[in-house]
Structure formats: C-alpha cells, structure tokens
Amino acid sequence: ADKSKIAVFFAALGASQAFVPVDFKLDFTRVSSRPGLIISRRLPSGLWGFETMFSFEIKDDRIVRIYAQRNPDKLKSLLNR
C-alpha cells in the first residue's frame, strides 16, 4: 500500500466525527518493545476502558507494519504485564 494513503487514512480518522474528544483518549506508549498507541473510551461509569491498541514496526525510520489488537481479553492480558 502507498504510505501516503496510509498517512492520509489515519489523519482523516483522527479528524472524523467518529471520535468525540471527551469520550476517547490516546496514550502513546511502548507495546511489545515497539512504539505504540492505546485508544481508550469513556465507559458509562465514567471510567476508561481499553478500545484498541496499535503497535508500529519501524525499519529505516519508516513504519513498515501496523499491528492492531481489539480483542478485550487479549488487551487485558497485554496491558496487565
């Protein structure tokens, strides 16, 4: 896939109406020794719940792979290490 198309996709996703800033938060972190991003959603209780975790494989200062995890059981096990 064309890397500029991937960048445009993520930029458009972040700017879309799908994400209401008070209901979502982004945390940049390390995931399995890679740069990562955790997206959390505010639950009806007011607490935050993990929604999606991304990690980015970098080679020669470029993103070569993007991994995403949305399975709630796997998210719990990955984040509780």
Protein backbone atom coordinates (compact mmCIF):
# COMPACT_ATOMS: atom_id res chain seq x y z
CA ALA A 1 0.00 0.00 0.00
CA ASP A 2 1.11 3.52 -0.71
CA LYS A 3 2.49 5.05 2.51
CA SER A 4 0.92 8.44 1.78
CA LYS A 5 -2.51 6.79 1.55
CA ILE A 6 -1.95 5.17 4.95
CA ALA A 7 -0.95 8.52 6.50
CA VAL A 8 -3.98 10.25 4.96
CA PHE A 9 -6.25 7.49 6.30
CA PHE A 10 -5.02 7.87 9.89
CA ALA A 11 -5.15 11.67 9.71
CA ALA A 12 -8.74 11.56 8.41
CA LEU A 13 -9.73 9.02 11.05
CA GLY A 14 -8.43 11.26 13.84
CA ALA A 15 -10.27 14.27 12.44
CA SER A 16 -13.54 12.44 11.80
CA GLN A 17 -16.76 12.84 13.76
CA ALA A 18 -16.38 9.22 14.89
CA PHE A 19 -14.21 10.31 17.81
CA VAL A 20 -15.71 12.70 20.33
CA PRO A 21 -12.69 14.04 22.26
CA VAL A 22 -14.36 13.81 25.69
CA ASP A 23 -15.23 10.15 25.08
CA PHE A 24 -11.85 8.98 23.74
CA LYS A 25 -8.25 9.44 24.75
CA LEU A 26 -4.96 8.49 23.11
CA ASP A 27 -1.93 7.32 25.07
CA PHE A 28 1.39 6.93 23.30
CA THR A 29 3.44 4.15 24.87
CA ARG A 30 5.67 1.16 24.14
CA VAL A 31 3.88 -2.04 23.12
CA SER A 32 5.98 -5.21 22.93
CA SER A 33 9.12 -3.04 22.63
CA ARG A 34 7.63 -1.08 19.71
CA PRO A 35 6.19 2.43 19.58
CA GLY A 36 2.52 2.11 20.34
CA LEU A 37 -0.79 3.86 20.75
CA ILE A 38 -3.63 2.91 23.08
CA ILE A 39 -7.10 4.25 22.38
CA SER A 40 -9.43 4.26 25.37
CA ARG A 41 -13.14 5.03 25.52
CA ARG A 42 -15.03 6.55 28.44
CA LEU A 43 -17.45 3.98 29.82
CA PRO A 44 -20.93 4.90 31.14
CA SER A 45 -19.45 4.58 34.65
CA GLY A 46 -17.00 7.40 33.82
CA LEU A 47 -14.01 5.07 33.95
CA TRP A 48 -11.80 4.44 30.91
CA GLY A 49 -11.88 1.13 29.03
CA PHE A 50 -9.30 -0.01 26.51
CA GLU A 51 -10.68 0.10 22.98
CA THR A 52 -7.76 -0.57 20.61
CA MET A 53 -4.02 -0.98 20.89
CA PHE A 54 -1.70 -0.29 17.96
CA SER A 55 1.99 -1.03 17.69
CA PHE A 56 4.22 0.10 14.86
CA GLU A 57 7.12 -1.82 13.39
CA ILE A 58 9.79 0.65 12.31
CA LYS A 59 12.59 -0.04 9.85
CA ASP A 60 14.94 2.61 8.50
CA ASP A 61 12.85 5.35 10.18
CA ARG A 62 9.67 4.22 8.40
CA ILE A 63 6.59 2.38 9.53
CA VAL A 64 6.68 -0.99 7.77
CA ARG A 65 3.85 -2.72 9.69
CA ILE A 66 0.97 -1.66 11.88
CA TYR A 67 -0.41 -4.17 14.35
CA ALA A 68 -3.82 -3.65 15.95
CA GLN A 69 -5.49 -5.50 18.79
CA ARG A 70 -9.16 -5.05 19.70
CA ASN A 71 -9.97 -8.34 21.47
CA PRO A 72 -10.86 -7.28 25.06
CA ASP A 73 -9.41 -10.45 26.62
CA LYS A 74 -6.11 -10.04 24.81
CA LEU A 75 -5.98 -6.32 25.64
CA LYS A 76 -6.34 -7.10 29.35
CA SER A 77 -3.56 -9.68 29.27
CA LEU A 78 -1.20 -7.42 27.29
CA LEU A 79 -1.78 -4.37 29.46
CA ASN A 80 -1.56 -6.19 32.80
CA ARG A 81 2.03 -7.37 32.30
